[in-house]
Amino acid sequence: MEDDSIVIMLIQQYAAKFGITFSSKAMEDEATKQKAMQLMMEAVSGKRGPVTDEDLGI
């Protein structure tokens, strides 16, 4: 459950910063979920812009 709460907090921070989220399909596949989390962390920290479905290959 702790893992899910981390994901939720990250998504909330991302949505607060960008006002958007991306397709929930990203959370269905574990590898895509990990990539999405990494890209969201980079986006929240200012290292990149918003994450797109294209970034995730979905």
N, C-alpha and C. Protein backbone atom coordinates (compact mmCIF):
# COMPACT_ATOMS: atom_id res chain seq x y z
N MET A 1 0.82 -1.19 0.00
CA MET A 1 0.00 0.00 0.00
C MET A 1 0.86 1.26 0.00
N GLU A 2 2.00 1.21 0.65
CA GLU A 2 2.88 2.37 0.68
C GLU A 2 3.27 2.79 -0.73
N ASP A 3 3.54 1.82 -1.61
CA ASP A 3 3.91 2.12 -2.98
C ASP A 3 2.79 2.90 -3.67
N ASP A 4 1.54 2.48 -3.46
CA ASP A 4 0.41 3.18 -4.07
C ASP A 4 0.29 4.61 -3.55
N SER A 5 0.55 4.81 -2.28
CA SER A 5 0.45 6.17 -1.73
C SER A 5 1.54 7.07 -2.31
N ILE A 6 2.69 6.54 -2.57
CA ILE A 6 3.77 7.31 -3.20
C ILE A 6 3.36 7.70 -4.62
N VAL A 7 2.80 6.76 -5.35
CA VAL A 7 2.35 7.04 -6.71
C VAL A 7 1.27 8.13 -6.69
N ILE A 8 0.33 8.02 -5.77
CA ILE A 8 -0.75 9.00 -5.68
C ILE A 8 -0.19 10.38 -5.35
N MET A 9 0.73 10.46 -4.41
CA MET A 9 1.32 11.75 -4.06
C MET A 9 2.07 12.36 -5.25
N LEU A 10 2.80 11.53 -5.98
CA LEU A 10 3.54 12.01 -7.14
C LEU A 10 2.58 12.54 -8.20
N ILE A 11 1.52 11.80 -8.46
CA ILE A 11 0.53 12.24 -9.45
C ILE A 11 -0.13 13.54 -9.01
N GLN A 12 -0.42 13.68 -7.72
CA GLN A 12 -1.02 14.92 -7.21
C GLN A 12 -0.07 16.10 -7.39
N GLN A 13 1.21 15.90 -7.10
CA GLN A 13 2.19 16.98 -7.28
C GLN A 13 2.31 17.35 -8.76
N TYR A 14 2.34 16.34 -9.60
CA TYR A 14 2.45 16.57 -11.04
C TYR A 14 1.23 17.34 -11.54
N ALA A 15 0.04 16.90 -11.16
CA ALA A 15 -1.20 17.56 -11.60
C ALA A 15 -1.27 18.99 -11.07
N ALA A 16 -0.81 19.21 -9.84
CA ALA A 16 -0.83 20.56 -9.27
C ALA A 16 0.11 21.49 -10.05
N LYS A 17 1.24 20.97 -10.48
CA LYS A 17 2.21 21.80 -11.20
C LYS A 17 1.77 22.08 -12.64
N PHE A 18 1.24 21.05 -13.31
CA PHE A 18 0.93 21.18 -14.73
C PHE A 18 -0.56 21.32 -15.03
N GLY A 19 -1.41 21.03 -14.04
CA GLY A 19 -2.85 21.12 -14.25
C GLY A 19 -3.40 20.04 -15.15
N ILE A 20 -2.58 19.02 -15.42
CA ILE A 20 -2.98 17.94 -16.31
C ILE A 20 -2.44 16.61 -15.79
N THR A 21 -3.00 15.56 -16.28
CA THR A 21 -2.43 14.23 -16.09
C THR A 21 -2.39 13.58 -17.47
N PHE A 22 -2.06 12.33 -17.53
CA PHE A 22 -1.99 11.63 -18.80
C PHE A 22 -2.82 10.36 -18.70
N SER A 23 -2.86 9.60 -19.74
CA SER A 23 -3.70 8.41 -19.80
C SER A 23 -3.42 7.45 -18.66
N SER A 24 -4.50 6.93 -18.07
CA SER A 24 -4.34 5.96 -16.99
C SER A 24 -3.78 4.63 -17.49
N LYS A 25 -3.72 4.44 -18.81
CA LYS A 25 -3.10 3.24 -19.37
C LYS A 25 -1.67 3.07 -18.89
N ALA A 26 -1.03 4.18 -18.55
CA ALA A 26 0.36 4.15 -18.11
C ALA A 26 0.53 3.36 -16.83
N MET A 27 -0.50 3.25 -16.03
CA MET A 27 -0.39 2.56 -14.75
C MET A 27 -0.76 1.09 -14.83
N GLU A 28 -1.18 0.63 -16.01
CA GLU A 28 -1.58 -0.76 -16.18
C GLU A 28 -0.39 -1.71 -16.31
N ASP A 29 0.66 -1.25 -16.96
CA ASP A 29 1.85 -2.06 -17.20
C ASP A 29 2.95 -1.61 -16.23
N GLU A 30 3.57 -2.53 -15.53
CA GLU A 30 4.56 -2.17 -14.50
C GLU A 30 5.75 -1.40 -15.08
N ALA A 31 6.25 -1.80 -16.24
CA ALA A 31 7.40 -1.10 -16.83
C ALA A 31 7.01 0.33 -17.24
N THR A 32 5.83 0.49 -17.82
CA THR A 32 5.37 1.82 -18.20
C THR A 32 5.10 2.66 -16.97
N LYS A 33 4.59 2.04 -15.93
CA LYS A 33 4.32 2.75 -14.67
C LYS A 33 5.63 3.30 -14.09
N GLN A 34 6.67 2.49 -14.10
CA GLN A 34 7.96 2.93 -13.58
C GLN A 34 8.52 4.08 -14.41
N LYS A 35 8.39 3.97 -15.74
CA LYS A 35 8.86 5.04 -16.62
C LYS A 35 8.06 6.32 -16.37
N ALA A 36 6.74 6.19 -16.21
CA ALA A 36 5.89 7.35 -15.95
C ALA A 36 6.29 8.02 -14.64
N MET A 37 6.55 7.23 -13.62
CA MET A 37 6.94 7.79 -12.33
C MET A 37 8.25 8.56 -12.45
N GLN A 38 9.22 7.99 -13.16
CA GLN A 38 10.51 8.65 -13.36
C GLN A 38 10.33 9.97 -14.09
N LEU A 39 9.55 9.95 -15.16
CA LEU A 39 9.33 11.17 -15.94
C LEU A 39 8.56 12.21 -15.13
N MET A 40 7.60 11.77 -14.32
CA MET A 40 6.86 12.72 -13.48
C MET A 40 7.78 13.35 -12.45
N MET A 41 8.67 12.56 -11.86
CA MET A 41 9.62 13.12 -10.89
C MET A 41 10.50 14.18 -11.55
N GLU A 42 10.96 13.89 -12.76
CA GLU A 42 11.78 14.85 -13.49
C GLU A 42 10.98 16.11 -13.80
N ALA A 43 9.72 15.95 -14.18
CA ALA A 43 8.88 17.09 -14.51
C ALA A 43 8.59 17.95 -13.28
N VAL A 44 8.27 17.31 -12.17
CA VAL A 44 7.97 18.05 -10.93
C VAL A 44 9.21 18.81 -10.45
N SER A 45 10.38 18.23 -10.65
CA SER A 45 11.62 18.88 -10.21
C SER A 45 12.13 19.92 -11.20
N GLY A 46 11.44 20.08 -12.34
CA GLY A 46 11.82 21.11 -13.30
C GLY A 46 12.84 20.67 -14.33
N LYS A 47 13.16 19.39 -14.39
CA LYS A 47 14.16 18.90 -15.34
C LYS A 47 13.59 18.68 -16.73
N ARG A 48 12.25 18.68 -16.84
CA ARG A 48 11.60 18.46 -18.13
C ARG A 48 10.20 19.05 -18.06
N GLY A 49 9.53 19.06 -19.18
CA GLY A 49 8.15 19.54 -19.25
C GLY A 49 7.17 18.42 -18.94
N PRO A 50 5.91 18.66 -19.25
CA PRO A 50 4.87 17.66 -18.98
C PRO A 50 5.15 16.34 -19.70
N VAL A 51 4.69 15.27 -19.10
CA VAL A 51 4.81 13.92 -19.67
C VAL A 51 3.66 13.72 -20.64
N THR A 52 3.96 13.18 -21.80
CA THR A 52 2.93 12.88 -22.77
C THR A 52 2.79 11.38 -22.96
N ASP A 53 1.66 10.97 -23.55
CA ASP A 53 1.48 9.56 -23.87
C ASP A 53 2.58 9.10 -24.82
N GLU A 54 3.04 9.97 -25.69
CA GLU A 54 4.11 9.63 -26.63
C GLU A 54 5.42 9.33 -25.89
N ASP A 55 5.68 10.08 -24.80
CA ASP A 55 6.88 9.82 -24.00
C ASP A 55 6.85 8.40 -23.44
N LEU A 56 5.65 7.94 -23.15
CA LEU A 56 5.49 6.63 -22.53
C LEU A 56 5.27 5.52 -23.55
N GLY A 57 5.11 5.88 -24.81
CA GLY A 57 4.90 4.87 -25.85
C GLY A 57 3.51 4.27 -25.80
N ILE A 58 2.54 5.04 -25.35
CA ILE A 58 1.16 4.52 -25.29
C ILE A 58 0.23 5.33 -26.15
